[in-house]
Amino acid sequence: MSGIYSINKGVSQPIVFKGLKAQYIIYLAIGLVVLLILFALLYIMDTSLLIVLPLILMLGTAHFLLVFHLSHRFGTHGLMKYLAKRRLPHTIRFRSRRLFTSLNAHTHSVNHK
């Protein structure tokens, strides 16, 4: 019976393509499309190919290196966690106790009803 059904191993594993993990594949694809559009715009604006080609090649190389670096450094969900952690405040300061006393008064009035 086990020969009839194939087992899908790693169904819940993230997609990996040539070392890129999960969302970094999309980041790379979006960057390449942006570079293609930039090349087309510069070419239509009649900019010299001696300027356009090295510019696009340098930007493309930098984009590849950045995306691969982020993929290897953070992994599948690490970049999102890193950016979320950066948005958290380091400290929370209260200049007044009014917030806490009003919460306490509100809690007592709700519990006694």
Protein backbone atom coordinates (compact mmCIF):
# COMPACT_ATOMS: atom_id res chain seq x y z
CA MET A 1 0.00 0.00 0.00
CA SER A 2 2.88 2.40 0.66
CA GLY A 3 4.09 2.06 -2.94
CA ILE A 4 0.90 3.57 -4.33
CA TYR A 5 1.03 6.90 -2.51
CA SER A 6 3.97 9.25 -2.75
CA ILE A 7 5.06 11.03 0.41
CA ASN A 8 5.47 14.79 0.11
CA LYS A 9 8.43 15.44 2.34
CA GLY A 10 9.16 19.03 3.24
CA VAL A 11 5.75 20.41 2.31
CA SER A 12 5.93 23.08 5.00
CA GLN A 13 9.55 23.98 4.22
CA PRO A 14 10.27 27.44 2.74
CA ILE A 15 11.10 27.70 -0.95
CA VAL A 16 14.84 27.77 -1.66
CA PHE A 17 16.28 28.73 -5.05
CA LYS A 18 20.05 28.77 -5.56
CA GLY A 19 20.62 29.71 -1.92
CA LEU A 20 17.89 32.35 -1.72
CA LYS A 21 15.23 31.62 0.86
CA ALA A 22 11.51 32.47 0.75
CA GLN A 23 10.72 36.16 0.23
CA TYR A 24 14.23 37.03 -0.97
CA ILE A 25 13.40 35.40 -4.31
CA ILE A 26 10.62 37.96 -4.73
CA TYR A 27 12.92 40.81 -3.65
CA LEU A 28 15.44 39.77 -6.29
CA ALA A 29 12.77 39.50 -9.00
CA ILE A 30 11.31 42.92 -8.16
CA GLY A 31 14.78 44.47 -8.23
CA LEU A 32 15.52 42.96 -11.63
CA VAL A 33 12.24 44.28 -13.04
CA VAL A 34 13.03 47.75 -11.66
CA LEU A 35 16.48 47.61 -13.27
CA LEU A 36 14.95 46.57 -16.58
CA ILE A 37 12.51 49.49 -16.45
CA LEU A 38 15.33 51.87 -15.49
CA PHE A 39 17.39 50.62 -18.44
CA ALA A 40 14.45 51.11 -20.80
CA LEU A 41 13.78 54.64 -19.53
CA LEU A 42 17.41 55.68 -19.82
CA TYR A 43 17.62 54.15 -23.31
CA ILE A 44 14.43 55.94 -24.43
CA MET A 45 15.79 59.21 -23.04
CA ASP A 46 18.70 58.73 -25.47
CA THR A 47 21.35 58.39 -22.75
CA SER A 48 24.64 57.02 -23.99
CA LEU A 49 25.03 53.25 -23.68
CA LEU A 50 28.53 53.86 -22.29
CA ILE A 51 26.80 55.37 -19.25
CA VAL A 52 23.68 53.19 -19.07
CA LEU A 53 25.26 49.73 -19.27
CA PRO A 54 27.89 50.19 -16.53
CA LEU A 55 25.29 51.89 -14.32
CA ILE A 56 22.78 49.05 -14.70
CA LEU A 57 25.51 46.42 -14.25
CA MET A 58 26.78 48.07 -11.06
CA LEU A 59 23.27 48.49 -9.64
CA GLY A 60 22.39 44.91 -10.58
CA THR A 61 25.53 43.54 -8.96
CA ALA A 62 24.92 45.57 -5.81
CA HIS A 63 21.30 44.37 -5.70
CA PHE A 64 22.32 40.71 -6.11
CA LEU A 65 24.96 40.98 -3.39
CA LEU A 66 22.57 42.76 -1.01
CA VAL A 67 19.74 40.25 -1.48
CA PHE A 68 22.06 37.25 -1.06
CA HIS A 69 23.64 38.87 2.01
CA LEU A 70 20.23 39.48 3.60
CA SER A 71 19.11 35.94 2.77
CA HIS A 72 22.16 34.37 4.38
CA ARG A 73 22.22 36.72 7.38
CA PHE A 74 18.54 36.63 8.37
CA GLY A 75 17.13 33.46 6.86
CA THR A 76 13.47 32.89 6.11
CA HIS A 77 11.70 35.17 8.62
CA GLY A 78 14.64 36.87 10.32
CA LEU A 79 14.50 40.13 8.38
CA MET A 80 10.85 40.70 9.29
CA LYS A 81 11.62 39.96 12.94
CA TYR A 82 14.63 42.28 12.87
CA LEU A 83 12.63 45.15 11.36
CA ALA A 84 9.76 44.59 13.81
CA LYS A 85 12.16 44.64 16.75
CA ARG A 86 13.67 47.91 15.55
CA ARG A 87 10.23 49.53 15.64
CA LEU A 88 9.76 48.75 19.33
CA PRO A 89 10.55 51.64 21.67
CA HIS A 90 13.58 51.25 23.91
CA THR A 91 11.87 52.83 26.88
CA ILE A 92 8.38 53.96 27.80
CA ARG A 93 8.19 57.03 29.99
CA PHE A 94 5.17 58.17 31.92
CA ARG A 95 5.22 61.71 33.22
CA SER A 96 2.05 61.27 35.21
CA ARG A 97 0.32 58.55 37.23
CA ARG A 98 -3.08 59.61 35.89
CA LEU A 99 -3.13 56.81 33.31
CA PHE A 100 -2.66 54.13 35.95
CA THR A 101 -5.02 55.65 38.50
CA SER A 102 -7.76 56.00 35.90
CA LEU A 103 -7.26 52.37 34.86
CA ASN A 104 -7.49 51.27 38.47
CA ALA A 105 -10.66 53.32 39.06
CA HIS A 106 -12.22 52.00 35.89
CA THR A 107 -11.40 48.40 36.85
CA HIS A 108 -13.00 48.79 40.29
CA SER A 109 -16.18 50.32 38.86
CA VAL A 110 -16.54 47.45 36.36
CA ASN A 111 -15.96 44.75 38.99
CA HIS A 112 -18.49 46.18 41.46
CA LYS A 113 -21.43 46.29 39.04
